Amino acid sequence: MRFAEARTAVLTHSLAVALALPLLAVAARAQPPGEALTPLALELTEIVDKALALARTAKSQDTALQQRTRDAAVSAMERVRRMAVEYRERVGQSQSIAETELFFGSLSEAVASAREIAGDAVPAPGVAVELDRLGAVIARLSDVYAKSH
């Protein structure tokens, strides 16, 4: 009888652990973003602001094509700035990292697009450095989301 009781206890414990693991994963993703995302969201907005300010000070480009490319880069960075502000607000209002992940994906794609367009433009000095910093912050944010899974 003891063996049967012990076996039942082990099976019951194993079943409880197996059922709890998915719940623990959900709980980890449901944690408020606070400390992990807020400073990075603020840094993201500051970097975009600095890159935009630098890009707007660029002199007129030599050709119409270069000017259109520069204007497209500024427009793409303005879109990223609007999204970065919205992302920062969402992070501040959200109850979990998971609530902001989908919007972060869209923001990340917009940043990649803006960096690509700006790379083809003839920018003001310093814009490339700020765009590299922007990419680094996006990478750090991606790590936070990856670790939350």
N, C-alpha and C. Protein backbone atom coordinates (compact mmCIF):
# COMPACT_ATOMS: atom_id res chain seq x y z
N MET A 1 0.80 -1.19 0.00
CA MET A 1 0.00 0.00 0.00
C MET A 1 0.85 1.27 0.00
N ARG A 2 1.96 1.25 0.67
CA ARG A 2 2.82 2.43 0.73
C ARG A 2 3.34 2.80 -0.66
N PHE A 3 3.73 1.80 -1.43
CA PHE A 3 4.24 2.08 -2.78
C PHE A 3 3.17 2.76 -3.63
N ALA A 4 1.97 2.32 -3.57
CA ALA A 4 0.87 2.89 -4.35
C ALA A 4 0.60 4.33 -3.90
N GLU A 5 0.64 4.56 -2.62
CA GLU A 5 0.42 5.92 -2.10
C GLU A 5 1.55 6.85 -2.53
N ALA A 6 2.78 6.37 -2.47
CA ALA A 6 3.92 7.18 -2.88
C ALA A 6 3.86 7.48 -4.37
N ARG A 7 3.51 6.47 -5.15
CA ARG A 7 3.41 6.66 -6.60
C ARG A 7 2.32 7.67 -6.92
N THR A 8 1.20 7.60 -6.23
CA THR A 8 0.11 8.55 -6.44
C THR A 8 0.54 9.96 -6.06
N ALA A 9 1.30 10.10 -4.98
CA ALA A 9 1.77 11.41 -4.55
C ALA A 9 2.74 11.99 -5.58
N VAL A 10 3.65 11.15 -6.10
CA VAL A 10 4.60 11.62 -7.11
C VAL A 10 3.87 12.03 -8.38
N LEU A 11 2.92 11.22 -8.81
CA LEU A 11 2.15 11.56 -10.02
C LEU A 11 1.34 12.83 -9.83
N THR A 12 0.76 12.99 -8.67
CA THR A 12 -0.02 14.19 -8.38
C THR A 12 0.87 15.42 -8.39
N HIS A 13 2.04 15.32 -7.78
CA HIS A 13 3.00 16.43 -7.75
C HIS A 13 3.48 16.76 -9.17
N SER A 14 3.81 15.73 -9.95
CA SER A 14 4.28 15.93 -11.33
C SER A 14 3.21 16.61 -12.17
N LEU A 15 1.98 16.20 -11.99
CA LEU A 15 0.88 16.80 -12.73
C LEU A 15 0.70 18.27 -12.33
N ALA A 16 0.81 18.56 -11.05
CA ALA A 16 0.67 19.94 -10.58
C ALA A 16 1.78 20.82 -11.16
N VAL A 17 3.00 20.31 -11.19
CA VAL A 17 4.13 21.07 -11.76
C VAL A 17 3.90 21.29 -13.25
N ALA A 18 3.50 20.25 -13.95
CA ALA A 18 3.27 20.36 -15.40
C ALA A 18 2.18 21.37 -15.71
N LEU A 19 1.15 21.42 -14.90
CA LEU A 19 0.07 22.38 -15.12
C LEU A 19 0.49 23.80 -14.73
N ALA A 20 1.39 23.94 -13.79
CA ALA A 20 1.80 25.26 -13.32
C ALA A 20 2.80 25.94 -14.24
N LEU A 21 3.62 25.19 -14.96
CA LEU A 21 4.66 25.80 -15.80
C LEU A 21 4.10 26.79 -16.82
N PRO A 22 3.06 26.44 -17.58
CA PRO A 22 2.53 27.45 -18.52
C PRO A 22 2.00 28.68 -17.79
N LEU A 23 1.44 28.49 -16.63
CA LEU A 23 0.93 29.65 -15.87
C LEU A 23 2.06 30.55 -15.41
N LEU A 24 3.19 29.95 -15.04
CA LEU A 24 4.35 30.75 -14.63
C LEU A 24 4.89 31.55 -15.82
N ALA A 25 4.88 30.97 -17.00
CA ALA A 25 5.34 31.69 -18.19
C ALA A 25 4.43 32.87 -18.50
N VAL A 26 3.13 32.66 -18.36
CA VAL A 26 2.17 33.75 -18.58
C VAL A 26 2.37 34.83 -17.53
N ALA A 27 2.60 34.44 -16.30
CA ALA A 27 2.80 35.43 -15.23
C ALA A 27 4.04 36.26 -15.50
N ALA A 28 5.09 35.64 -16.01
CA ALA A 28 6.31 36.40 -16.31
C ALA A 28 6.05 37.43 -17.39
N ARG A 29 5.27 37.07 -18.41
CA ARG A 29 4.97 38.01 -19.48
C ARG A 29 3.97 39.07 -19.01
N ALA A 30 3.24 38.80 -17.96
CA ALA A 30 2.23 39.74 -17.49
C ALA A 30 2.79 40.77 -16.52
N GLN A 31 4.08 40.70 -16.23
CA GLN A 31 4.67 41.66 -15.32
C GLN A 31 4.65 43.06 -15.93
N PRO A 32 4.45 44.09 -15.11
CA PRO A 32 4.48 45.46 -15.63
C PRO A 32 5.83 45.77 -16.27
N PRO A 33 5.83 46.55 -17.37
CA PRO A 33 7.07 46.83 -18.08
C PRO A 33 8.00 47.77 -17.34
N GLY A 34 7.44 48.65 -16.53
CA GLY A 34 8.16 49.61 -15.72
C GLY A 34 9.64 49.76 -15.92
N GLU A 35 10.41 49.14 -15.03
CA GLU A 35 11.86 49.34 -15.00
C GLU A 35 12.56 48.88 -16.28
N ALA A 36 12.05 47.87 -16.92
CA ALA A 36 12.74 47.32 -18.10
C ALA A 36 12.58 48.20 -19.33
N LEU A 37 11.37 48.70 -19.57
CA LEU A 37 11.10 49.40 -20.83
C LEU A 37 11.10 50.93 -20.73
N THR A 38 10.69 51.47 -19.62
CA THR A 38 10.52 52.92 -19.51
C THR A 38 11.79 53.72 -19.82
N PRO A 39 12.94 53.38 -19.23
CA PRO A 39 14.15 54.17 -19.55
C PRO A 39 14.54 54.06 -21.02
N LEU A 40 14.36 52.88 -21.60
CA LEU A 40 14.71 52.70 -23.01
C LEU A 40 13.73 53.45 -23.91
N ALA A 41 12.46 53.48 -23.53
CA ALA A 41 11.47 54.23 -24.32
C ALA A 41 11.79 55.72 -24.29
N LEU A 42 12.22 56.23 -23.15
CA LEU A 42 12.61 57.63 -23.05
C LEU A 42 13.85 57.92 -23.88
N GLU A 43 14.83 57.03 -23.80
CA GLU A 43 16.06 57.19 -24.57
C GLU A 43 15.77 57.18 -26.07
N LEU A 44 14.87 56.32 -26.48
CA LEU A 44 14.49 56.22 -27.88
C LEU A 44 13.96 57.55 -28.40
N THR A 45 13.07 58.16 -27.65
CA THR A 45 12.49 59.45 -28.05
C THR A 45 13.56 60.53 -28.10
N GLU A 46 14.45 60.56 -27.12
CA GLU A 46 15.52 61.57 -27.10
C GLU A 46 16.45 61.43 -28.31
N ILE A 47 16.79 60.21 -28.67
CA ILE A 47 17.68 59.98 -29.81
C ILE A 47 17.01 60.42 -31.10
N VAL A 48 15.74 60.06 -31.26
CA VAL A 48 15.02 60.46 -32.48
C VAL A 48 14.95 61.98 -32.57
N ASP A 49 14.69 62.64 -31.45
CA ASP A 49 14.64 64.11 -31.45
C ASP A 49 15.97 64.71 -31.89
N LYS A 50 17.07 64.14 -31.38
CA LYS A 50 18.39 64.67 -31.73
C LYS A 50 18.69 64.42 -33.21
N ALA A 51 18.37 63.23 -33.71
CA ALA A 51 18.61 62.91 -35.13
C ALA A 51 17.79 63.81 -36.03
N LEU A 52 16.54 64.05 -35.65
CA LEU A 52 15.68 64.94 -36.45
C LEU A 52 16.22 66.37 -36.46
N ALA A 53 16.65 66.85 -35.31
CA ALA A 53 17.19 68.21 -35.24
C ALA A 53 18.42 68.34 -36.14
N LEU A 54 19.28 67.32 -36.11
CA LEU A 54 20.47 67.35 -36.96
C LEU A 54 20.10 67.28 -38.44
N ALA A 55 19.16 66.42 -38.78
CA ALA A 55 18.76 66.27 -40.18
C ALA A 55 18.12 67.54 -40.72
N ARG A 56 17.39 68.23 -39.88
CA ARG A 56 16.72 69.45 -40.34
C ARG A 56 17.71 70.60 -40.57
N THR A 57 18.88 70.50 -39.98
CA THR A 57 19.87 71.55 -40.17
C THR A 57 20.74 71.32 -41.40
N ALA A 58 20.51 70.19 -42.08
CA ALA A 58 21.32 69.89 -43.27
C ALA A 58 21.07 70.94 -44.35
N LYS A 59 22.13 71.27 -45.04
CA LYS A 59 22.00 72.24 -46.13
C LYS A 59 21.22 71.59 -47.28
N SER A 60 20.73 72.40 -48.16
CA SER A 60 20.04 71.88 -49.33
C SER A 60 20.97 70.97 -50.10
N GLN A 61 20.42 69.93 -50.64
CA GLN A 61 21.24 68.95 -51.35
C GLN A 61 21.55 69.45 -52.77
N ASP A 62 22.56 68.85 -53.36
CA ASP A 62 23.04 69.29 -54.67
C ASP A 62 22.08 68.98 -55.81
N THR A 63 21.37 67.86 -55.73
CA THR A 63 20.46 67.49 -56.82
C THR A 63 19.05 67.31 -56.27
N ALA A 64 18.10 67.34 -57.16
CA ALA A 64 16.70 67.15 -56.75
C ALA A 64 16.49 65.76 -56.16
N LEU A 65 17.15 64.76 -56.74
CA LEU A 65 17.03 63.40 -56.22
C LEU A 65 17.58 63.31 -54.80
N GLN A 66 18.73 63.93 -54.56
CA GLN A 66 19.29 63.93 -53.22
C GLN A 66 18.37 64.66 -52.25
N GLN A 67 17.77 65.76 -52.68
CA GLN A 67 16.86 66.52 -51.83
C GLN A 67 15.62 65.69 -51.48
N ARG A 68 15.06 64.99 -52.49
CA ARG A 68 13.89 64.15 -52.23
C ARG A 68 14.24 63.01 -51.27
N THR A 69 15.42 62.44 -51.44
CA THR A 69 15.85 61.36 -50.55
C THR A 69 16.03 61.88 -49.12
N ARG A 70 16.63 63.05 -48.98
CA ARG A 70 16.79 63.65 -47.66
C ARG A 70 15.45 63.97 -47.04
N ASP A 71 14.53 64.53 -47.84
CA ASP A 71 13.19 64.84 -47.35
C ASP A 71 12.45 63.56 -46.92
N ALA A 72 12.64 62.48 -47.69
CA ALA A 72 12.01 61.20 -47.33
C ALA A 72 12.59 60.67 -46.03
N ALA A 73 13.89 60.86 -45.83
CA ALA A 73 14.52 60.41 -44.59
C ALA A 73 13.97 61.21 -43.40
N VAL A 74 13.84 62.51 -43.56
CA VAL A 74 13.28 63.34 -42.48
C VAL A 74 11.85 62.93 -42.20
N SER A 75 11.07 62.69 -43.24
CA SER A 75 9.69 62.26 -43.07
C SER A 75 9.61 60.91 -42.33
N ALA A 76 10.50 59.99 -42.70
CA ALA A 76 10.52 58.68 -42.03
C ALA A 76 10.90 58.83 -40.56
N MET A 77 11.85 59.72 -40.27
CA MET A 77 12.24 59.95 -38.88
C MET A 77 11.12 60.63 -38.09
N GLU A 78 10.36 61.51 -38.74
CA GLU A 78 9.22 62.14 -38.07
C GLU A 78 8.17 61.08 -37.71
N ARG A 79 7.96 60.13 -38.61
CA ARG A 79 7.02 59.03 -38.33
C ARG A 79 7.53 58.21 -37.14
N VAL A 80 8.83 57.91 -37.13
CA VAL A 80 9.41 57.16 -36.02
C VAL A 80 9.26 57.95 -34.73
N ARG A 81 9.42 59.26 -34.79
CA ARG A 81 9.28 60.07 -33.58
C ARG A 81 7.86 60.00 -33.02
N ARG A 82 6.87 60.11 -33.92
CA ARG A 82 5.46 59.99 -33.46
C ARG A 82 5.22 58.62 -32.82
N MET A 83 5.74 57.60 -33.47
CA MET A 83 5.57 56.24 -32.94
C MET A 83 6.32 56.06 -31.62
N ALA A 84 7.51 56.66 -31.50
CA ALA A 84 8.29 56.54 -30.26
C ALA A 84 7.56 57.20 -29.10
N VAL A 85 6.94 58.34 -29.36
CA VAL A 85 6.17 59.02 -28.31
C VAL A 85 4.97 58.15 -27.91
N GLU A 86 4.29 57.60 -28.90
CA GLU A 86 3.13 56.73 -28.59
C GLU A 86 3.59 55.49 -27.84
N TYR A 87 4.72 54.93 -28.23
CA TYR A 87 5.27 53.75 -27.55
C TYR A 87 5.57 54.08 -26.09
N ARG A 88 6.22 55.21 -25.86
CA ARG A 88 6.54 55.63 -24.49
C ARG A 88 5.26 55.76 -23.66
N GLU A 89 4.21 56.32 -24.26
CA GLU A 89 2.94 56.46 -23.54
C GLU A 89 2.32 55.09 -23.26
N ARG A 90 2.37 54.21 -24.24
CA ARG A 90 1.82 52.86 -24.04
C ARG A 90 2.56 52.11 -22.95
N VAL A 91 3.88 52.25 -22.93
CA VAL A 91 4.67 51.59 -21.89
C VAL A 91 4.24 52.12 -20.52
N GLY A 92 4.04 53.42 -20.42
CA GLY A 92 3.63 54.01 -19.14
C GLY A 92 2.25 53.57 -18.69
N GLN A 93 1.38 53.26 -19.63
CA GLN A 93 0.00 52.89 -19.30
C GLN A 93 -0.24 51.39 -19.21
N SER A 94 0.68 50.60 -19.73
CA SER A 94 0.43 49.16 -19.82
C SER A 94 0.64 48.46 -18.49
N GLN A 95 -0.01 47.33 -18.38
CA GLN A 95 0.11 46.51 -17.19
C GLN A 95 1.09 45.36 -17.39
N SER A 96 1.49 45.11 -18.65
CA SER A 96 2.41 44.01 -18.91
C SER A 96 3.26 44.30 -20.15
N ILE A 97 4.37 43.63 -20.21
CA ILE A 97 5.25 43.76 -21.37
C ILE A 97 4.53 43.29 -22.62
N ALA A 98 3.74 42.25 -22.49
CA ALA A 98 3.03 41.68 -23.64
C ALA A 98 2.09 42.70 -24.30
N GLU A 99 1.55 43.63 -23.52
CA GLU A 99 0.63 44.63 -24.08
C GLU A 99 1.32 45.58 -25.05
N THR A 100 2.61 45.73 -24.94
CA THR A 100 3.33 46.69 -25.79
C THR A 100 4.11 46.01 -26.92
N GLU A 101 4.16 44.70 -26.91
CA GLU A 101 5.04 43.98 -27.84
C GLU A 101 4.64 44.16 -29.31
N LEU A 102 3.37 44.09 -29.61
CA LEU A 102 2.93 44.23 -31.00
C LEU A 102 3.26 45.62 -31.54
N PHE A 103 3.00 46.65 -30.76
CA PHE A 103 3.32 48.01 -31.21
C PHE A 103 4.83 48.18 -31.34
N PHE A 104 5.59 47.57 -30.43
CA PHE A 104 7.05 47.64 -30.54
C PHE A 104 7.51 47.05 -31.86
N GLY A 105 6.89 45.96 -32.30
CA GLY A 105 7.24 45.36 -33.58
C GLY A 105 7.07 46.34 -34.72
N SER A 106 5.96 47.08 -34.71
CA SER A 106 5.72 48.09 -35.75
C SER A 106 6.74 49.22 -35.66
N LEU A 107 7.05 49.64 -34.46
CA LEU A 107 8.04 50.69 -34.24
C LEU A 107 9.41 50.23 -34.74
N SER A 108 9.77 49.01 -34.43
CA SER A 108 11.06 48.46 -34.86
C SER A 108 11.17 48.45 -36.38
N GLU A 109 10.10 48.07 -37.06
CA GLU A 109 10.09 48.07 -38.52
C GLU A 109 10.21 49.49 -39.07
N ALA A 110 9.54 50.44 -38.44
CA ALA A 110 9.63 51.84 -38.87
C ALA A 110 11.05 52.38 -38.69
N VAL A 111 11.70 52.00 -37.60
CA VAL A 111 13.09 52.42 -37.36
C VAL A 111 14.00 51.84 -38.43
N ALA A 112 13.82 50.56 -38.74
CA ALA A 112 14.66 49.92 -39.76
C ALA A 112 14.48 50.61 -41.11
N SER A 113 13.25 50.94 -41.44
CA SER A 113 12.97 51.63 -42.70
C SER A 113 13.59 53.02 -42.72
N ALA A 114 13.44 53.75 -41.64
CA ALA A 114 14.01 55.10 -41.56
C ALA A 114 15.53 55.06 -41.66
N ARG A 115 16.15 54.07 -41.02
CA ARG A 115 17.61 53.95 -41.08
C ARG A 115 18.06 53.64 -42.50
N GLU A 116 17.30 52.82 -43.19
CA GLU A 116 17.66 52.48 -44.57
C GLU A 116 17.53 53.69 -45.49
N ILE A 117 16.43 54.41 -45.35
CA ILE A 117 16.22 55.61 -46.18
C ILE A 117 17.28 56.66 -45.87
N ALA A 118 17.55 56.87 -44.60
CA ALA A 118 18.54 57.87 -44.20
C ALA A 118 19.94 57.48 -44.67
N GLY A 119 20.19 56.19 -44.76
CA GLY A 119 21.50 55.74 -45.24
C GLY A 119 21.74 56.11 -46.70
N ASP A 120 20.64 56.26 -47.45
CA ASP A 120 20.75 56.65 -48.86
C ASP A 120 20.78 58.17 -49.04
N ALA A 121 20.42 58.89 -48.00
CA ALA A 121 20.36 60.35 -48.09
C ALA A 121 21.76 60.94 -47.86
N VAL A 122 21.88 62.21 -48.14
CA VAL A 122 23.12 62.94 -47.84
C VAL A 122 22.81 63.74 -46.57
N PRO A 123 23.06 63.13 -45.40
CA PRO A 123 22.61 63.75 -44.15
C PRO A 123 23.57 64.81 -43.62
N ALA A 124 23.09 65.48 -42.62
CA ALA A 124 23.95 66.40 -41.86
C ALA A 124 24.89 65.57 -41.00
N PRO A 125 26.03 66.12 -40.65
CA PRO A 125 26.96 65.37 -39.79
C PRO A 125 26.28 64.97 -38.48
N GLY A 126 26.55 63.78 -38.03
CA GLY A 126 26.00 63.32 -36.75
C GLY A 126 24.73 62.51 -36.86
N VAL A 127 24.00 62.61 -37.98
CA VAL A 127 22.74 61.87 -38.10
C VAL A 127 23.02 60.37 -38.08
N ALA A 128 24.04 59.93 -38.79
CA ALA A 128 24.35 58.50 -38.85
C ALA A 128 24.67 57.95 -37.46
N VAL A 129 25.37 58.74 -36.66
CA VAL A 129 25.71 58.31 -35.30
C VAL A 129 24.44 58.13 -34.47
N GLU A 130 23.53 59.09 -34.58
CA GLU A 130 22.27 59.00 -33.83
C GLU A 130 21.43 57.82 -34.31
N LEU A 131 21.43 57.56 -35.61
CA LEU A 131 20.67 56.43 -36.14
C LEU A 131 21.27 55.11 -35.68
N ASP A 132 22.59 55.05 -35.53
CA ASP A 132 23.22 53.85 -34.98
C ASP A 132 22.83 53.67 -33.51
N ARG A 133 22.80 54.76 -32.78
CA ARG A 133 22.35 54.69 -31.37
C ARG A 133 20.90 54.24 -31.29
N LEU A 134 20.09 54.72 -32.22
CA LEU A 134 18.68 54.33 -32.28
C LEU A 134 18.57 52.82 -32.50
N GLY A 135 19.37 52.30 -33.43
CA GLY A 135 19.38 50.86 -33.68
C GLY A 135 19.80 50.07 -32.46
N ALA A 136 20.75 50.60 -31.70
CA ALA A 136 21.22 49.92 -30.49
C ALA A 136 20.13 49.86 -29.42
N VAL A 137 19.35 50.93 -29.29
CA VAL A 137 18.25 50.93 -28.31
C VAL A 137 17.17 49.94 -28.74
N ILE A 138 16.88 49.90 -30.03
CA ILE A 138 15.90 48.94 -30.53
C ILE A 138 16.38 47.51 -30.23
N ALA A 139 17.67 47.26 -30.40
CA ALA A 139 18.22 45.93 -30.10
C ALA A 139 18.08 45.60 -28.62
N ARG A 140 18.33 46.57 -27.75
CA ARG A 140 18.18 46.33 -26.31
C ARG A 140 16.73 46.07 -25.94
N LEU A 141 15.81 46.83 -26.57
CA LEU A 141 14.39 46.59 -26.33
C LEU A 141 13.98 45.20 -26.83
N SER A 142 14.51 44.81 -27.97
CA SER A 142 14.21 43.47 -28.51
C SER A 142 14.65 42.39 -27.53
N ASP A 143 15.80 42.60 -26.89
CA ASP A 143 16.29 41.64 -25.89
C ASP A 143 15.32 41.54 -24.71
N VAL A 144 14.79 42.68 -24.27
CA VAL A 144 13.84 42.66 -23.16
C VAL A 144 12.62 41.83 -23.54
N TYR A 145 12.10 42.03 -24.73
CA TYR A 145 10.94 41.27 -25.17
C TYR A 145 11.28 39.79 -25.31
N ALA A 146 12.45 39.48 -25.85
CA ALA A 146 12.85 38.07 -26.02
C ALA A 146 12.96 37.37 -24.67
N LYS A 147 13.49 38.07 -23.68
CA LYS A 147 13.66 37.47 -22.34
C LYS A 147 12.33 37.33 -21.61
N SER A 148 11.31 38.04 -22.06
CA SER A 148 10.01 37.97 -21.38
C SER A 148 9.21 36.74 -21.83
N HIS A 149 9.69 36.03 -22.82
CA HIS A 149 8.96 34.85 -23.32
C HIS A 149 9.29 33.63 -22.53
